[in-house]
Amino acid sequence: MTNQQQIAAKIWDPTLYDNTAQYVLHYGEDVLHWLNAKEGETIIDLGCGTGHLTAKIAESGAKVTGLDNSEAMIHEAKTHYPNLTFNIADGTDFEVDTLVDAVFSNAALHWMTDPQSVITSVSKALKPGGRFVGEMGAKENIATIIASINMAFVEIGQEPMPAVFPWYFPSLAEYAALLEKNGFTVEQAAQFQRPTALNNGPEGLKSWMKNFADPLLQPLSKEDQEFVLERTITYAEPALVDDDTWFADYVRLRFVAVKDE
């Protein structure tokens, strides 16, 4: 009989994140082209992390506020960018004093597993005609990594995912329908594969798991954590290594949705 694996609360380590996940900033800069921030606009960066993209938005002359539910991430963002505004807030129930022109989010929405509440909060924050611009993990995101973790879980007698799935990875059609149901018009959207190179070979995948799969690892003993990390590397290697470079098998969903007038 297997034991039900529990999901721990996500605990972000800003130093680990900034040191090993620079690709989040690199790819996030491309999403900023879809935002196309303009001088004088008011913008929320939802799930701002350590604030690097928030600062990029501010360079446009927009007035931007970074929101994140991690106290550690917000502290780091304020340390990096003391002249910008950052607040601790949950994407499912945040509020604003004055309606904004845009809500931007990169690599964060898939951590908010109640998408209806998120979209409702975003809608309440936007002016009529305001835009919601984001990129997130899509259906089949990290499918190889998930399958490899599952096989490692089975070896230690744990229930595999999706019984303990900590992310929300919708298809384009699913998310577009949810946006439209909640008073948005989807103006632009794309779902695409984006294999993402990891530094330091197999250690790069281990760092990825410590960064992003820790809700699954935390409930385990230290011994089981290390076993799952090593076995995941073994199972994933045939599919995730190309010419000695390790990749995370990302599939992304990017969109621009405008709140109906």
Protein backbone atom coordinates (compact mmCIF):
# COMPACT_ATOMS: atom_id res chain seq x y z
CA MET A 1 0.00 0.00 0.00
CA THR A 2 1.33 3.44 -0.90
CA ASN A 3 1.32 6.51 1.31
CA GLN A 4 -0.40 9.63 0.03
CA GLN A 5 2.19 12.25 -0.81
CA GLN A 6 1.35 15.66 0.63
CA ILE A 7 2.03 19.03 -0.96
CA ALA A 8 3.98 21.46 1.20
CA ALA A 9 3.57 25.21 0.91
CA LYS A 10 5.90 26.69 -1.69
CA ILE A 11 8.89 28.32 -0.01
CA TRP A 12 10.93 30.50 -2.33
CA ASP A 13 14.69 30.92 -1.93
CA PRO A 14 15.50 34.21 -3.73
CA THR A 15 19.24 33.50 -3.86
CA LEU A 16 18.79 30.04 -5.37
CA TYR A 17 16.23 31.47 -7.78
CA ASP A 18 18.40 34.34 -9.02
CA ASN A 19 21.56 32.22 -9.21
CA THR A 20 20.13 29.24 -11.08
CA ALA A 21 17.03 30.43 -12.98
CA GLN A 22 18.34 33.37 -14.98
CA TYR A 23 16.43 32.02 -17.98
CA VAL A 24 13.19 33.22 -16.36
CA LEU A 25 14.39 36.80 -16.78
CA HIS A 26 15.86 36.12 -20.24
CA TYR A 27 12.66 34.69 -21.68
CA GLY A 28 10.50 37.08 -19.69
CA GLU A 29 12.02 40.04 -21.51
CA ASP A 30 10.46 38.68 -24.71
CA VAL A 31 7.03 38.70 -23.06
CA LEU A 32 7.51 42.40 -22.35
CA HIS A 33 7.22 43.04 -26.09
CA TRP A 34 3.64 41.76 -25.86
CA LEU A 35 2.98 44.09 -22.93
CA ASN A 36 4.39 47.09 -24.82
CA ALA A 37 4.34 49.31 -21.74
CA LYS A 38 4.06 53.03 -22.35
CA GLU A 39 5.15 56.06 -20.42
CA GLY A 40 2.53 57.15 -17.90
CA GLU A 41 0.67 53.84 -17.77
CA THR A 42 -0.07 52.13 -14.47
CA ILE A 43 0.89 48.45 -14.44
CA ILE A 44 0.88 45.57 -11.97
CA ASP A 45 3.57 42.88 -12.22
CA LEU A 46 1.73 39.91 -10.73
CA GLY A 47 4.08 37.30 -9.27
CA CYS A 48 7.04 39.66 -9.61
CA GLY A 49 9.56 37.47 -7.78
CA THR A 50 12.82 39.32 -7.18
CA GLY A 51 11.67 42.27 -9.27
CA HIS A 52 13.96 42.21 -12.29
CA LEU A 53 11.16 42.32 -14.86
CA THR A 54 9.34 44.92 -12.77
CA ALA A 55 12.38 47.12 -13.17
CA LYS A 56 12.40 46.50 -16.93
CA ILE A 57 8.78 47.64 -17.12
CA ALA A 58 9.64 50.77 -15.12
CA GLU A 59 12.28 51.69 -17.72
CA SER A 60 9.40 52.41 -20.13
CA GLY A 61 8.25 55.27 -17.90
CA ALA A 62 5.23 53.34 -16.65
CA LYS A 63 4.32 53.41 -12.98
CA VAL A 64 4.62 49.75 -11.97
CA THR A 65 3.86 47.89 -8.75
CA GLY A 66 5.26 44.42 -8.14
CA LEU A 67 3.09 41.93 -6.25
CA ASP A 68 4.12 38.52 -4.93
CA ASN A 69 2.88 36.29 -2.14
CA SER A 70 6.43 35.41 -1.03
CA GLU A 71 7.75 37.66 1.71
CA ALA A 72 11.31 36.56 0.90
CA MET A 73 10.94 37.43 -2.78
CA ILE A 74 9.43 40.84 -2.02
CA HIS A 75 12.23 41.58 0.47
CA GLU A 76 14.82 40.76 -2.20
CA ALA A 77 13.00 42.86 -4.80
CA LYS A 78 12.96 45.87 -2.45
CA THR A 79 16.67 45.35 -1.80
CA HIS A 80 17.46 45.29 -5.53
CA TYR A 81 15.14 48.16 -6.47
CA PRO A 82 14.46 50.43 -3.47
CA ASN A 83 12.91 53.13 -5.66
CA LEU A 84 10.15 50.83 -6.96
CA THR A 85 6.98 49.70 -5.19
CA PHE A 86 6.61 46.06 -4.14
CA ASN A 87 3.87 44.57 -1.97
CA ILE A 88 3.05 41.15 -0.59
CA ALA A 89 -0.22 39.99 -2.14
CA ASP A 90 -1.92 36.81 -3.30
CA GLY A 91 -2.87 36.58 -6.96
CA THR A 92 -6.25 35.10 -6.08
CA ASP A 93 -7.51 38.04 -4.02
CA PHE A 94 -5.38 41.14 -4.54
CA GLU A 95 -6.98 44.59 -4.71
CA VAL A 96 -5.90 48.01 -5.97
CA ASP A 97 -6.83 51.51 -4.82
CA THR A 98 -6.97 52.84 -8.38
CA LEU A 99 -7.73 50.84 -11.52
CA VAL A 100 -4.69 50.12 -13.67
CA ASP A 101 -3.96 50.02 -17.41
CA ALA A 102 -2.40 46.55 -17.45
CA VAL A 103 -1.65 43.47 -15.39
CA PHE A 104 1.48 41.60 -16.45
CA SER A 105 2.61 38.18 -15.27
CA ASN A 106 5.54 36.00 -16.26
CA ALA A 107 6.15 32.41 -15.06
CA ALA A 108 3.83 32.86 -12.09
CA LEU A 109 0.22 32.11 -13.06
CA HIS A 110 0.83 28.36 -13.10
CA TRP A 111 1.56 28.56 -9.36
CA MET A 112 -1.91 30.03 -8.77
CA THR A 113 -4.04 26.92 -8.92
CA ASP A 114 -7.38 28.74 -8.64
CA PRO A 115 -7.43 30.45 -12.06
CA GLN A 116 -11.00 31.65 -11.72
CA SER A 117 -10.13 33.70 -8.62
CA VAL A 118 -6.99 35.06 -10.29
CA ILE A 119 -8.85 36.21 -13.40
CA THR A 120 -11.60 37.75 -11.26
CA SER A 121 -9.01 39.71 -9.25
CA VAL A 122 -7.22 40.82 -12.42
CA SER A 123 -10.50 41.98 -13.95
CA LYS A 124 -11.39 43.98 -10.85
CA ALA A 125 -7.99 45.69 -10.96
CA LEU A 126 -8.17 46.73 -14.63
CA LYS A 127 -9.76 49.73 -16.25
CA PRO A 128 -12.28 48.91 -18.98
CA GLY A 129 -10.14 48.26 -22.04
CA GLY A 130 -7.18 47.39 -19.83
CA ARG A 131 -5.02 44.46 -20.81
CA PHE A 132 -3.93 41.26 -19.12
CA VAL A 133 -0.63 40.03 -20.55
CA GLY A 134 1.12 36.91 -19.41
CA GLU A 135 3.11 33.79 -19.99
CA MET A 136 2.76 30.59 -17.99
CA GLY A 137 3.28 26.86 -18.19
CA ALA A 138 0.86 25.20 -20.62
CA LYS A 139 -0.56 21.72 -21.02
CA GLU A 140 2.26 19.12 -21.24
CA ASN A 141 4.72 21.53 -19.61
CA ILE A 142 7.60 19.58 -18.00
CA ALA A 143 5.87 16.31 -18.92
CA THR A 144 9.15 14.37 -18.95
CA ILE A 145 10.23 15.78 -15.60
CA ILE A 146 6.84 14.93 -14.09
CA ALA A 147 6.96 11.37 -15.44
CA SER A 148 10.47 10.95 -14.06
CA ILE A 149 9.47 12.25 -10.62
CA ASN A 150 6.50 9.89 -10.67
CA MET A 151 8.71 6.88 -11.30
CA ALA A 152 10.99 7.94 -8.45
CA PHE A 153 7.94 8.38 -6.17
CA VAL A 154 6.76 4.87 -6.96
CA GLU A 155 10.14 3.52 -5.89
CA ILE A 156 9.76 5.05 -2.42
CA GLY A 157 6.09 4.04 -2.08
CA GLN A 158 4.55 7.44 -2.71
CA GLU A 159 1.48 8.32 -4.74
CA PRO A 160 2.44 9.78 -8.14
CA MET A 161 1.04 12.98 -9.57
CA PRO A 162 -1.49 14.30 -10.56
CA ALA A 163 -2.95 13.38 -7.18
CA VAL A 164 -0.50 15.87 -5.68
CA PHE A 165 -0.06 18.19 -8.65
CA PRO A 166 1.12 21.64 -7.43
CA TRP A 167 0.73 23.53 -10.72
CA TYR A 168 -1.95 24.67 -13.14
CA PHE A 169 -0.98 24.02 -16.76
CA PRO A 170 -3.95 24.77 -19.05
CA SER A 171 -4.22 24.43 -22.79
CA LEU A 172 -4.59 27.57 -24.86
CA ALA A 173 -8.20 26.70 -25.60
CA GLU A 174 -8.99 26.11 -21.92
CA TYR A 175 -7.46 29.36 -20.72
CA ALA A 176 -8.86 31.44 -23.58
CA ALA A 177 -12.34 30.12 -22.80
CA LEU A 178 -11.91 31.03 -19.13
CA LEU A 179 -10.79 34.55 -20.01
CA GLU A 180 -13.69 35.06 -22.41
CA LYS A 181 -16.16 33.72 -19.85
CA ASN A 182 -14.95 36.41 -17.46
CA GLY A 183 -15.32 39.41 -19.75
CA PHE A 184 -12.03 39.43 -21.65
CA THR A 185 -11.38 39.41 -25.38
CA VAL A 186 -8.29 37.40 -26.27
CA GLU A 187 -6.43 39.48 -28.83
CA GLN A 188 -3.30 37.37 -29.15
CA ALA A 189 -2.33 33.95 -27.84
CA ALA A 190 0.20 31.22 -28.53
CA GLN A 191 1.04 27.82 -27.10
CA PHE A 192 4.51 26.59 -27.98
CA GLN A 193 7.31 24.26 -26.98
CA ARG A 194 10.28 26.02 -25.46
CA PRO A 195 13.03 23.60 -24.41
CA THR A 196 15.04 25.54 -21.86
CA ALA A 197 18.74 24.88 -21.36
CA LEU A 198 19.87 24.18 -17.80
CA ASN A 199 23.36 25.02 -16.61
CA ASN A 200 25.73 22.51 -14.98
CA GLY A 201 24.52 19.30 -16.60
CA PRO A 202 22.52 16.99 -14.32
CA GLU A 203 23.12 19.35 -11.42
CA GLY A 204 21.09 21.87 -13.40
CA LEU A 205 18.05 19.60 -13.25
CA LYS A 206 18.64 19.07 -9.55
CA SER A 207 18.70 22.84 -9.04
CA TRP A 208 15.52 23.13 -11.10
CA MET A 209 13.79 20.63 -8.82
CA LYS A 210 14.98 22.38 -5.67
CA ASN A 211 13.67 25.65 -7.09
CA PHE A 212 10.37 24.53 -8.52
CA ALA A 213 9.46 21.03 -7.27
CA ASP A 214 10.18 21.64 -3.60
CA PRO A 215 6.50 21.44 -2.58
CA LEU A 216 6.76 17.76 -3.54
CA LEU A 217 10.16 17.22 -1.94
CA GLN A 218 9.67 19.01 1.39
CA PRO A 219 7.42 16.38 3.01
CA LEU A 220 10.02 13.67 2.32
CA SER A 221 12.89 12.68 4.57
CA LYS A 222 16.30 14.02 3.56
CA GLU A 223 17.24 10.54 2.41
CA ASP A 224 14.14 10.19 0.24
CA GLN A 225 14.60 13.70 -1.14
CA GLU A 226 18.09 12.87 -2.35
CA PHE A 227 16.90 9.54 -3.75
CA VAL A 228 14.10 11.23 -5.72
CA LEU A 229 16.49 13.88 -7.05
CA GLU A 230 19.01 11.30 -8.26
CA ARG A 231 16.45 8.91 -9.72
CA THR A 232 14.63 11.72 -11.51
CA ILE A 233 17.92 12.62 -13.20
CA THR A 234 18.42 9.01 -14.24
CA TYR A 235 14.93 8.62 -15.68
CA ALA A 236 14.92 12.02 -17.42
CA GLU A 237 18.35 11.88 -19.01
CA PRO A 238 17.46 10.02 -22.25
CA ALA A 239 14.81 12.61 -23.17
CA LEU A 240 16.28 15.80 -21.75
CA VAL A 241 19.91 15.68 -22.90
CA ASP A 242 20.94 16.87 -26.35
CA ASP A 243 24.61 17.17 -27.30
CA ASP A 244 25.63 17.11 -23.61
CA THR A 245 23.22 19.96 -22.75
CA TRP A 246 20.37 19.33 -20.32
CA PHE A 247 16.98 20.91 -21.02
CA ALA A 248 13.73 21.39 -19.15
CA ASP A 249 10.87 20.38 -21.45
CA TYR A 250 8.88 23.59 -21.18
CA VAL A 251 5.63 24.24 -23.02
CA ARG A 252 4.43 27.81 -22.66
CA LEU A 253 1.16 29.69 -23.01
CA ARG A 254 1.44 33.40 -23.84
CA PHE A 255 -1.50 35.76 -24.24
CA VAL A 256 -2.85 39.28 -24.46
CA ALA A 257 -6.44 39.68 -23.27
CA VAL A 258 -8.36 42.96 -23.09
CA LYS A 259 -11.06 43.65 -20.54
CA ASP A 260 -14.34 44.34 -22.29
CA GLU A 261 -15.59 47.94 -22.15
